[in-house]
Amino acid sequence: MSKFNVFFEKLGSDAKLLEQYKQDPQAVMQAHGLSEEEIQVVLSGDKNKIESIAGAKPMGSYTVVFTSNR
């Protein structure tokens, strides 16, 4: 699996990494070894280019709902 895919899988499961990413996405992607091209594609928000770099089938949208018993 590419660094690109590994990074985004980790981003989806690591709350601390996600908070860092929200503050400075470019720096966090650089620190995790993404190429300048990959970073620019992500920052562009171009769905087709992101899918191409990820080697993914067309992306779907998902809604995640968290509940707490507090």
Protein backbone atom coordinates (compact mmCIF):
# COMPACT_ATOMS: atom_id res chain seq x y z
CA MET A 1 0.00 0.00 0.00
CA SER A 2 1.32 3.47 -0.87
CA LYS A 3 2.31 6.05 1.73
CA PHE A 4 -0.63 8.09 0.46
CA ASN A 5 -3.17 5.39 1.30
CA VAL A 6 -1.50 4.43 4.58
CA PHE A 7 -1.52 8.06 5.70
CA PHE A 8 -5.21 8.57 4.97
CA GLU A 9 -6.18 5.30 6.63
CA LYS A 10 -4.27 6.38 9.73
CA LEU A 11 -5.85 9.84 9.54
CA GLY A 12 -9.26 8.21 9.76
CA SER A 13 -8.40 6.32 12.94
CA ASP A 14 -6.00 8.61 14.83
CA ALA A 15 -7.76 11.54 16.50
CA LYS A 16 -4.52 13.30 17.44
CA LEU A 17 -3.25 13.09 13.86
CA LEU A 18 -6.56 14.41 12.59
CA GLU A 19 -6.37 17.44 14.88
CA GLN A 20 -2.82 18.14 13.69
CA TYR A 21 -3.99 17.77 10.09
CA LYS A 22 -6.82 20.24 10.65
CA GLN A 23 -4.31 22.81 11.94
CA ASP A 24 -1.72 22.38 9.13
CA PRO A 25 -2.57 19.75 6.52
CA GLN A 26 0.42 20.45 4.29
CA ALA A 27 2.98 20.13 7.09
CA VAL A 28 1.38 16.93 8.40
CA MET A 29 1.33 15.33 4.94
CA GLN A 30 4.97 16.33 4.40
CA ALA A 31 5.95 14.87 7.77
CA HIS A 32 4.34 11.56 6.76
CA GLY A 33 6.26 11.32 3.51
CA LEU A 34 3.67 12.31 0.92
CA SER A 35 5.15 13.72 -2.27
CA GLU A 36 4.68 17.35 -3.23
CA GLU A 37 2.43 16.19 -6.10
CA GLU A 38 0.24 14.16 -3.72
CA ILE A 39 0.00 17.08 -1.31
CA GLN A 40 -1.01 19.51 -4.04
CA VAL A 41 -3.66 17.11 -5.34
CA VAL A 42 -5.18 16.75 -1.87
CA LEU A 43 -5.12 20.50 -1.29
CA SER A 44 -6.79 21.07 -4.67
CA GLY A 45 -9.79 19.01 -3.58
CA ASP A 46 -10.05 17.52 -7.09
CA LYS A 47 -11.92 14.26 -6.50
CA ASN A 48 -10.81 12.67 -9.78
CA LYS A 49 -7.12 13.42 -9.19
CA ILE A 50 -7.34 12.14 -5.60
CA GLU A 51 -8.95 8.90 -6.80
CA SER A 52 -6.24 8.55 -9.45
CA ILE A 53 -3.39 8.96 -6.97
CA ALA A 54 -5.05 6.65 -4.45
CA GLY A 55 -5.63 4.03 -7.12
CA ALA A 56 -9.18 3.91 -5.89
CA LYS A 57 -12.48 3.16 -7.41
CA PRO A 58 -14.85 6.14 -7.38
CA MET A 59 -15.28 7.48 -3.87
CA GLY A 60 -18.56 7.36 -2.06
CA SER A 61 -19.79 9.51 0.73
CA TYR A 62 -20.31 8.20 4.22
CA THR A 63 -21.82 9.70 7.32
CA VAL A 64 -20.41 8.61 10.64
CA VAL A 65 -22.41 9.25 13.77
CA PHE A 66 -20.85 8.88 17.21
CA THR A 67 -22.92 8.59 20.34
CA SER A 68 -21.86 8.80 23.93
CA ASN A 69 -23.35 7.31 27.06
CA ARG A 70 -22.18 10.27 29.15
